[in-house]
Each structure stands twice: as C-alpha cells, then as structure tokens.
Amino acid sequence: MSTEALDAKILIVDPDRTVVGELERILADAAIHRIESTTEPRETLYFCGRFRPDLLLLDLGVSDPAPDQILRDLAGRRDDFPAPTVLGLASGQSLDTRRRLVHAGLEDFIRKPPDPLETVLRVRGALERRRLRETGEESPAGAASADEDSLHDLRQKAETAELSVLLILARLVEYRDFKTEQHGERVGELSSRIASELGLEEGEVDLLRDAAPLHDVGMIVVPDRVLLKSGSLDDDERKIMMTHATNGARILAASDLPVMQLAREIAFTHHERWDGTGYPRGLSGEDIPLPGRIVAVADAFEAITHDRPFREAESAEEAMEELRRERGKQFDPRVVDAALKVVEREKAVLL
C-alpha cells in the first residue's frame, strides 16, 4: 500500500519485537519513513526527548511503567518537548480501561495484531487532526463567536481529513484495475440523483453522495486472481468475492462520523436483493436500508455502462433494460423507476 509521503515522526513502544517489525513495515509501505522504536517502555520518555515524535504508538499491555503513568509523564513535560499524540496498541483491554486511558490523554486505539488498513487510517487521521489542532492554536484569538466558528471549522476539516483517508483506500481498489477508475465517484453521483428523485432531503442526498463511493472499499482485501479474473468465477472465488461486503463494513466501522456510518451501512447492504436472495444476510424488501437499495441500482447501471475486467461496456439503453428486468427481483421497484427517470433526463451528464 502506498499513498502520499508524510513528513512525520513516529515512535513505536511495544515489548513484542514481532509487533514492532510489523508496524514498521506497515508504516513504511504507507510512505511513513521517519520511525523509531523500542521494546523497553521505560525508555519512552528518553526516546520522546531525543526523537521528538509527532505520534507515539504505545502498547497498552505494558506494566513498568503503566500506560497511565507514561501519559501523565508526557503531559507533565510539555516545557521540555512537545508531547506527541498517543495511539494505544490494544489487545483485550476492558472498556473501562480504555475510557480511563482516553481521559488520561490517549487519542485513539489500534487493535493488535495490527491490520494494515486500520493502522494506516488511524495513524494518518491522528496526524491530520494534530496538524489541524496546531493550525488552530496558531490562529489569533478573537471574539467568542469567532472562536466558536473557528472550532466548528476545525471540526469540519478534521472530518473531511478522515473522509479523505478512506477515499484514498477506496481509490486503491480502483487503481488495481484501471478500467474501474472513478467507479465510486460515478456511483455516488448517480445515487444522489436517484435519492433526490425519490424526494429525500437535501442533507440526506449530500451525505449519500459522499458515502456511496466507499461501497466497495472491502474489495481491497480481495486477491487480484479473483478481482481481475477475465472469466466467470468458480464457487470458491465467488465466496471470496462476496466477503468484500462484510470486510468493507468492518473497515468503515473504525469511524463514528455520520458519513462513515452511512458508508458502512451501504457497504454491508448494497448486495442484498429485493427478493431475499442476496448477501451477506439475505435481507429482502424494505428490510434492506434504503441507501443500500439506491446504491445497488446505481452500482449496477454504472457497472453495465463501463468496461470491466471480464467484459466490455454496454449502452445506457441496455443497462436500463436490465434494470427493468430485475425490477422487483434484484432491485426495489420504486428505486428502479426513479433511476430510469434520472437516466432518461440526464443521460448525457451521467455517461
């Protein structure tokens, strides 16, 4: 995995050399190269004073000293060196323990053993939030109302940064096969137009436009031999392909932002079918959330009208005919009717 390089310094503190090595590899693959590490928790302050990291990845299972003490020591030495943002490497700590550590100054958690996608997402998100906080602190103080506006703007920027990180992950799927490039954006645009045709409120339409491009983010863990196969998938390959819905929901569950929660719902449900024969849960009819039903139709239209690894693109008319055939079977009839109106009216814009 590679993305834009970050000029940030990261310190890893974990007694397990295997975990340290895996984290170093994950970060290096993500173009984060200024890394130091130690397997001795008692050296944490020494390394922070010498290396001055922007981010500290701290194992929460350490006991000498305990994570609480390390966090207190870091907070108490801000005059000596800027305290790093701290992410906890969690492996079975209770909810009460995690809450206590958050109150002590912990920013977020990364599960052990580390998953590459989650690790990169949380590290880049934490670094971006740190940068935005520092930018905000450097802004001149104004009236109370101006401060509130600045805080609101800062929060919006932080949310945008987190969304950007996940969109990067979604684009990584597309870059594995150039023929699917911008698939997500096209699905998002068509989904929003269908939602508007159905009468959803403007805020819901905008949220769907932002969330829908992440519907296939789970494809990032599907092997190339399956994802890029030019012929039909066999039963085992089909089962592997179907895991992308659940994996996508798991990836997106890392964030509690409204757009990410909607994206998680879409990733989990856009392959359910109106007649109940879809996956992963076999939901049917209106038990399938409406955003999932909308994206299912938009995804199908977009896939039919653009080249795929296993076939060439078909015309908009052929795609519309397919939607009519699957009306009431694969797709919600009301959503199909709305989509057909949108395509007839805006075909030149959508293709």
Protein backbone atom coordinates (compact mmCIF):
# COMPACT_ATOMS: atom_id res chain seq x y z
CA MET A 1 0.00 0.00 0.00
CA SER A 2 1.38 3.42 -0.85
CA THR A 3 -0.01 6.93 -0.50
CA GLU A 4 1.40 10.44 -0.31
CA ALA A 5 4.50 10.50 1.90
CA LEU A 6 4.15 12.10 5.33
CA ASP A 7 6.84 14.23 6.92
CA ALA A 8 6.01 12.97 10.42
CA LYS A 9 7.99 11.19 13.10
CA ILE A 10 6.53 8.12 14.79
CA LEU A 11 7.79 6.28 17.86
CA ILE A 12 6.67 2.68 18.49
CA VAL A 13 6.83 1.31 22.05
CA ASP A 14 5.95 -2.37 22.34
CA PRO A 15 7.81 -5.22 24.11
CA ASP A 16 6.89 -7.60 21.28
CA ARG A 17 9.56 -7.33 18.57
CA THR A 18 7.27 -9.06 16.07
CA VAL A 19 4.59 -6.40 16.51
CA VAL A 20 7.21 -3.64 16.23
CA GLY A 21 8.52 -5.12 12.99
CA GLU A 22 5.02 -5.48 11.54
CA LEU A 23 4.13 -1.87 12.40
CA GLU A 24 7.38 -0.61 10.89
CA ARG A 25 6.60 -2.50 7.67
CA ILE A 26 3.01 -1.20 7.52
CA LEU A 27 4.09 2.40 8.06
CA ALA A 28 6.93 2.16 5.55
CA ASP A 29 4.52 0.74 2.93
CA ALA A 30 2.28 3.75 3.61
CA ALA A 31 5.17 6.15 2.85
CA ILE A 32 5.85 6.99 6.50
CA HIS A 33 9.60 6.58 6.93
CA ARG A 34 10.70 8.59 9.98
CA ILE A 35 10.19 5.82 12.51
CA GLU A 36 11.96 4.83 15.71
CA SER A 37 11.07 2.01 18.08
CA THR A 38 11.89 0.45 21.42
CA THR A 39 10.78 -2.72 23.16
CA GLU A 40 11.51 -1.15 26.56
CA PRO A 41 8.63 1.00 27.93
CA ARG A 42 10.96 2.65 30.47
CA GLU A 43 12.78 4.28 27.55
CA THR A 44 9.64 6.06 26.30
CA LEU A 45 10.44 9.48 27.76
CA TYR A 46 14.07 9.23 26.72
CA PHE A 47 13.10 8.49 23.10
CA CYS A 48 10.46 11.24 23.13
CA GLY A 49 13.03 13.74 24.36
CA ARG A 50 15.66 12.70 21.82
CA PHE A 51 13.49 11.85 18.78
CA ARG A 52 10.60 14.26 19.48
CA PRO A 53 7.94 12.21 17.68
CA ASP A 54 4.69 13.62 16.39
CA LEU A 55 2.95 10.34 17.18
CA LEU A 56 3.55 7.63 19.77
CA LEU A 57 2.19 4.11 19.25
CA LEU A 58 2.11 2.70 22.79
CA ASP A 59 1.35 -0.90 23.77
CA LEU A 60 -1.41 -0.79 26.40
CA GLY A 61 -0.26 -4.06 27.95
CA VAL A 62 2.93 -2.59 29.42
CA SER A 63 3.24 -2.53 33.20
CA ASP A 64 6.59 -0.93 34.07
CA PRO A 65 5.63 1.86 33.81
CA ALA A 66 1.89 1.51 33.13
CA PRO A 67 0.30 3.38 30.20
CA ASP A 68 -1.45 5.77 32.62
CA GLN A 69 1.91 6.78 34.09
CA ILE A 70 3.52 7.26 30.68
CA LEU A 71 0.64 9.51 29.61
CA ARG A 72 0.92 11.56 32.81
CA ASP A 73 4.69 11.89 32.40
CA LEU A 74 4.31 13.06 28.82
CA ALA A 75 1.66 15.59 29.78
CA GLY A 76 3.87 16.92 32.56
CA ARG A 77 6.91 17.54 30.33
CA ARG A 78 5.50 19.80 27.66
CA ASP A 79 8.00 22.52 28.58
CA ASP A 80 10.85 20.13 27.73
CA PHE A 81 9.48 18.81 24.40
CA PRO A 82 6.13 18.90 22.57
CA ALA A 83 4.02 15.98 23.79
CA PRO A 84 3.27 13.54 20.95
CA THR A 85 -0.21 12.39 20.06
CA VAL A 86 -0.62 8.91 21.54
CA LEU A 87 -2.40 5.94 19.94
CA GLY A 88 -2.83 2.84 22.09
CA LEU A 89 -2.00 -0.63 20.75
CA ALA A 90 -4.92 -2.52 22.26
CA SER A 91 -5.23 -6.26 22.79
CA GLY A 92 -8.10 -7.18 25.09
CA GLN A 93 -8.21 -4.18 27.43
CA SER A 94 -11.63 -3.66 29.00
CA LEU A 95 -13.94 -0.80 28.03
CA ASP A 96 -13.42 0.81 31.44
CA THR A 97 -9.64 0.67 30.95
CA ARG A 98 -9.91 2.26 27.53
CA ARG A 99 -12.14 5.03 28.85
CA ARG A 100 -9.69 5.72 31.67
CA LEU A 101 -6.80 5.98 29.23
CA VAL A 102 -8.73 8.33 26.95
CA HIS A 103 -9.34 10.60 29.93
CA ALA A 104 -5.60 10.40 30.65
CA GLY A 105 -4.78 11.72 27.20
CA LEU A 106 -4.94 8.77 24.77
CA GLU A 107 -6.15 9.88 21.33
CA ASP A 108 -7.33 6.59 19.80
CA PHE A 109 -6.70 2.84 19.57
CA ILE A 110 -5.20 0.40 17.07
CA ARG A 111 -6.07 -3.25 17.53
CA LYS A 112 -3.39 -5.92 17.89
CA PRO A 113 -2.32 -7.75 15.85
CA PRO A 114 -2.22 -4.64 13.63
CA ASP A 115 -4.32 -4.63 10.48
CA PRO A 116 -2.65 -2.60 7.69
CA LEU A 117 -5.79 -0.75 6.62
CA GLU A 118 -6.88 0.18 10.13
CA THR A 119 -3.35 1.14 11.16
CA VAL A 120 -2.81 3.49 8.21
CA LEU A 121 -6.26 5.01 8.59
CA ARG A 122 -5.86 5.72 12.30
CA VAL A 123 -2.27 6.93 12.05
CA ARG A 124 -2.95 9.32 9.18
CA GLY A 125 -6.18 10.50 10.80
CA ALA A 126 -4.41 11.22 14.10
CA LEU A 127 -1.60 13.09 12.37
CA GLU A 128 -4.03 15.17 10.35
CA ARG A 129 -6.05 16.03 13.47
CA ARG A 130 -2.81 17.02 15.21
CA ARG A 131 -1.88 19.27 12.31
CA LEU A 132 -5.29 20.91 12.34
CA ARG A 133 -5.17 21.46 16.08
CA GLU A 134 -1.75 23.07 15.77
CA THR A 135 -3.03 25.29 12.97
CA GLY A 136 -5.99 26.30 15.11
CA GLU A 137 -3.79 27.10 18.10
CA GLU A 138 -1.67 29.37 15.97
CA SER A 139 -4.68 31.39 14.81
CA PRO A 140 -5.15 34.73 16.56
CA ALA A 141 -7.81 34.77 19.25
CA GLY A 142 -10.93 36.75 18.51
CA ALA A 143 -14.38 37.25 19.91
CA ALA A 144 -16.22 34.30 21.44
CA SER A 145 -18.41 33.89 18.40
CA ALA A 146 -15.36 33.89 16.14
CA ASP A 147 -13.72 31.24 18.33
CA GLU A 148 -16.84 29.08 18.07
CA ASP A 149 -16.84 29.47 14.29
CA SER A 150 -13.15 28.53 14.18
CA LEU A 151 -13.76 25.46 16.32
CA HIS A 152 -16.66 24.41 14.10
CA ASP A 153 -14.49 24.91 11.02
CA LEU A 154 -11.68 22.91 12.62
CA ARG A 155 -14.00 20.00 13.35
CA GLN A 156 -15.30 20.05 9.80
CA LYS A 157 -11.74 19.96 8.48
CA ALA A 158 -10.91 17.03 10.74
CA GLU A 159 -13.96 15.14 9.47
CA THR A 160 -13.00 15.96 5.88
CA ALA A 161 -9.49 14.67 6.54
CA GLU A 162 -10.82 11.36 7.85
CA LEU A 163 -13.12 11.01 4.84
CA SER A 164 -10.19 11.76 2.53
CA VAL A 165 -8.13 8.95 4.05
CA LEU A 166 -10.91 6.44 3.42
CA LEU A 167 -11.47 7.71 -0.10
CA ILE A 168 -7.79 7.09 -0.74
CA LEU A 169 -8.33 3.48 0.33
CA ALA A 170 -11.32 3.22 -1.99
CA ARG A 171 -9.27 4.55 -4.90
CA LEU A 172 -6.56 1.97 -4.18
CA VAL A 173 -9.09 -0.67 -5.20
CA GLU A 174 -9.74 1.14 -8.47
CA TYR A 175 -6.05 1.57 -9.25
CA ARG A 176 -5.61 -2.21 -9.18
CA ASP A 177 -7.56 -2.20 -12.43
CA PHE A 178 -7.65 0.99 -14.50
CA LYS A 179 -10.98 0.04 -16.06
CA THR A 180 -12.80 0.66 -12.77
CA GLU A 181 -11.19 4.07 -12.12
CA GLN A 182 -13.69 6.66 -10.83
CA HIS A 183 -16.32 3.95 -10.44
CA GLY A 184 -17.03 5.09 -6.88
CA GLU A 185 -17.49 8.73 -7.78
CA ARG A 186 -19.89 7.85 -10.60
CA VAL A 187 -21.92 5.61 -8.29
CA GLY A 188 -22.03 8.41 -5.72
CA GLU A 189 -23.27 10.95 -8.25
CA LEU A 190 -25.98 8.69 -9.69
CA SER A 191 -27.05 7.57 -6.20
CA SER A 192 -27.51 11.18 -5.11
CA ARG A 193 -29.62 11.96 -8.18
CA ILE A 194 -31.81 8.91 -7.59
CA ALA A 195 -32.21 9.91 -3.94
CA SER A 196 -33.27 13.41 -4.99
CA GLU A 197 -35.79 11.93 -7.44
CA LEU A 198 -37.20 9.85 -4.57
CA GLY A 199 -37.74 13.02 -2.55
CA LEU A 200 -35.02 12.68 0.07
CA GLU A 201 -34.00 15.89 1.82
CA GLU A 202 -31.01 17.83 0.54
CA GLY A 203 -28.84 16.91 3.53
CA GLU A 204 -29.56 13.20 3.03
CA VAL A 205 -28.77 13.50 -0.68
CA ASP A 206 -25.43 15.19 0.01
CA LEU A 207 -24.50 12.62 2.65
CA LEU A 208 -25.31 9.78 0.26
CA ARG A 209 -23.17 11.38 -2.47
CA ASP A 210 -20.18 11.36 -0.09
CA ALA A 211 -20.80 7.90 1.38
CA ALA A 212 -21.65 5.89 -1.75
CA PRO A 213 -18.14 5.97 -3.31
CA LEU A 214 -16.94 3.83 -0.39
CA HIS A 215 -19.36 0.98 -1.11
CA ASP A 216 -16.65 -1.33 -2.49
CA VAL A 217 -13.80 -0.46 -0.11
CA GLY A 218 -13.81 -4.09 1.08
CA MET A 219 -12.50 -5.09 -2.36
CA ILE A 220 -9.06 -4.05 -1.20
CA VAL A 221 -8.65 -7.43 0.53
CA VAL A 222 -9.89 -9.47 -2.45
CA PRO A 223 -6.94 -11.17 -4.22
CA ASP A 224 -6.08 -9.98 -7.75
CA ARG A 225 -6.61 -13.51 -9.10
CA VAL A 226 -10.29 -13.11 -8.17
CA LEU A 227 -10.81 -9.38 -8.62
CA LEU A 228 -9.21 -9.24 -12.07
CA LYS A 229 -10.28 -12.62 -13.43
CA SER A 230 -11.40 -12.29 -17.04
CA GLY A 231 -13.81 -15.25 -16.98
CA SER A 232 -16.58 -16.45 -14.71
CA LEU A 233 -15.76 -17.04 -11.05
CA ASP A 234 -15.96 -20.57 -9.66
CA ASP A 235 -17.79 -21.27 -6.38
CA ASP A 236 -14.74 -20.72 -4.16
CA GLU A 237 -13.80 -17.50 -5.97
CA ARG A 238 -17.37 -16.25 -5.70
CA LYS A 239 -17.30 -16.82 -1.93
CA ILE A 240 -14.07 -14.83 -1.69
CA MET A 241 -15.56 -12.00 -3.75
CA MET A 242 -18.66 -11.91 -1.54
CA THR A 243 -16.56 -11.21 1.56
CA HIS A 244 -15.98 -7.65 0.37
CA ALA A 245 -19.36 -6.55 1.74
CA THR A 246 -18.58 -7.66 5.29
CA ASN A 247 -14.94 -6.56 5.10
CA GLY A 248 -15.97 -3.14 3.85
CA ALA A 249 -18.36 -2.72 6.78
CA ARG A 250 -15.59 -3.70 9.18
CA ILE A 251 -13.16 -1.19 7.70
CA LEU A 252 -15.69 1.63 7.84
CA ALA A 253 -16.74 0.80 11.39
CA ALA A 254 -13.46 2.38 12.55
CA SER A 255 -15.09 5.83 12.34
CA ASP A 256 -18.15 7.23 14.10
CA LEU A 257 -18.62 10.11 11.62
CA PRO A 258 -22.18 10.13 10.16
CA VAL A 259 -20.88 9.82 6.59
CA MET A 260 -18.79 6.78 7.58
CA GLN A 261 -21.67 5.13 9.39
CA LEU A 262 -23.82 5.58 6.29
CA ALA A 263 -20.98 4.24 4.13
CA ARG A 264 -20.72 1.22 6.44
CA GLU A 265 -24.46 0.54 6.05
CA ILE A 266 -24.17 0.82 2.27
CA ALA A 267 -21.10 -1.43 2.06
CA PHE A 268 -22.91 -4.06 4.14
CA THR A 269 -26.22 -3.97 2.25
CA HIS A 270 -25.71 -2.98 -1.39
CA HIS A 271 -25.53 -6.64 -2.48
CA GLU A 272 -28.75 -7.64 -0.76
CA ARG A 273 -31.61 -8.31 -3.18
CA TRP A 274 -35.24 -7.22 -3.07
CA ASP A 275 -36.30 -10.89 -3.37
CA GLY A 276 -34.11 -12.00 -0.45
CA THR A 277 -31.51 -13.98 -2.40
CA GLY A 278 -28.62 -11.55 -1.94
CA TYR A 279 -25.75 -11.44 0.54
CA PRO A 280 -24.34 -11.28 3.17
CA ARG A 281 -27.53 -11.63 5.27
CA GLY A 282 -30.27 -12.46 2.78
CA LEU A 283 -32.38 -9.41 3.63
CA SER A 284 -35.43 -8.70 1.48
CA GLY A 285 -37.75 -5.84 0.58
CA GLU A 286 -37.77 -2.84 2.87
CA ASP A 287 -35.69 -4.69 5.47
CA ILE A 288 -32.80 -3.58 3.25
CA PRO A 289 -31.94 0.02 4.20
CA LEU A 290 -32.95 2.50 1.50
CA PRO A 291 -29.38 3.78 0.90
CA GLY A 292 -28.27 0.21 0.17
CA ARG A 293 -31.18 -0.25 -2.26
CA ILE A 294 -30.32 3.00 -4.04
CA VAL A 295 -26.62 2.22 -4.38
CA ALA A 296 -27.42 -1.30 -5.62
CA VAL A 297 -29.24 0.20 -8.62
CA ALA A 298 -26.64 2.92 -9.25
CA ASP A 299 -23.81 0.38 -8.96
CA ALA A 300 -25.46 -1.96 -11.47
CA PHE A 301 -26.10 0.80 -14.02
CA GLU A 302 -22.56 2.11 -13.72
CA ALA A 303 -21.04 -1.37 -13.99
CA ILE A 304 -23.02 -2.21 -17.13
CA THR A 305 -22.17 1.04 -18.92
CA HIS A 306 -18.41 0.93 -18.26
CA ASP A 307 -15.69 -1.59 -19.10
CA ARG A 308 -14.96 -4.32 -16.56
CA PRO A 309 -12.12 -6.89 -16.45
CA PHE A 310 -14.45 -9.61 -17.77
CA ARG A 311 -16.50 -7.71 -20.40
CA GLU A 312 -16.84 -4.54 -22.46
CA ALA A 313 -19.23 -1.71 -21.67
CA GLU A 314 -22.83 -1.81 -22.88
CA SER A 315 -25.09 1.10 -23.81
CA ALA A 316 -27.28 3.07 -21.44
CA GLU A 317 -30.34 1.60 -23.16
CA GLU A 318 -29.12 -1.94 -22.48
CA ALA A 319 -28.43 -1.03 -18.86
CA MET A 320 -31.90 0.44 -18.46
CA GLU A 321 -33.43 -2.70 -19.91
CA GLU A 322 -31.51 -4.78 -17.38
CA LEU A 323 -32.86 -2.63 -14.55
CA ARG A 324 -36.40 -3.18 -15.87
CA ARG A 325 -35.86 -6.96 -16.00
CA GLU A 326 -34.63 -7.02 -12.40
CA ARG A 327 -37.32 -4.66 -11.09
CA GLY A 328 -38.96 -6.43 -8.16
CA LYS A 329 -36.34 -9.21 -8.23
CA GLN A 330 -32.88 -7.84 -7.56
CA PHE A 331 -33.94 -4.22 -7.16
CA ASP A 332 -36.54 -2.17 -5.31
CA PRO A 333 -39.21 -1.28 -7.94
CA ARG A 334 -39.56 2.29 -6.65
CA VAL A 335 -35.80 2.87 -6.85
CA VAL A 336 -35.65 1.43 -10.38
CA ASP A 337 -38.45 3.74 -11.51
CA ALA A 338 -36.63 6.75 -10.06
CA ALA A 339 -33.34 5.69 -11.67
CA LEU A 340 -34.95 5.28 -15.08
CA LYS A 341 -36.37 8.81 -14.87
CA VAL A 342 -32.97 10.20 -13.89
CA VAL A 343 -31.15 8.39 -16.70
CA GLU A 344 -33.68 9.39 -19.34
CA ARG A 345 -33.42 13.02 -18.24
CA GLU A 346 -29.67 13.25 -17.53
CA LYS A 347 -28.06 10.57 -19.68
CA ALA A 348 -25.54 12.94 -21.24
CA VAL A 349 -24.27 14.03 -17.82
CA LEU A 350 -24.06 10.55 -16.30
CA LEU A 351 -22.11 8.78 -19.05
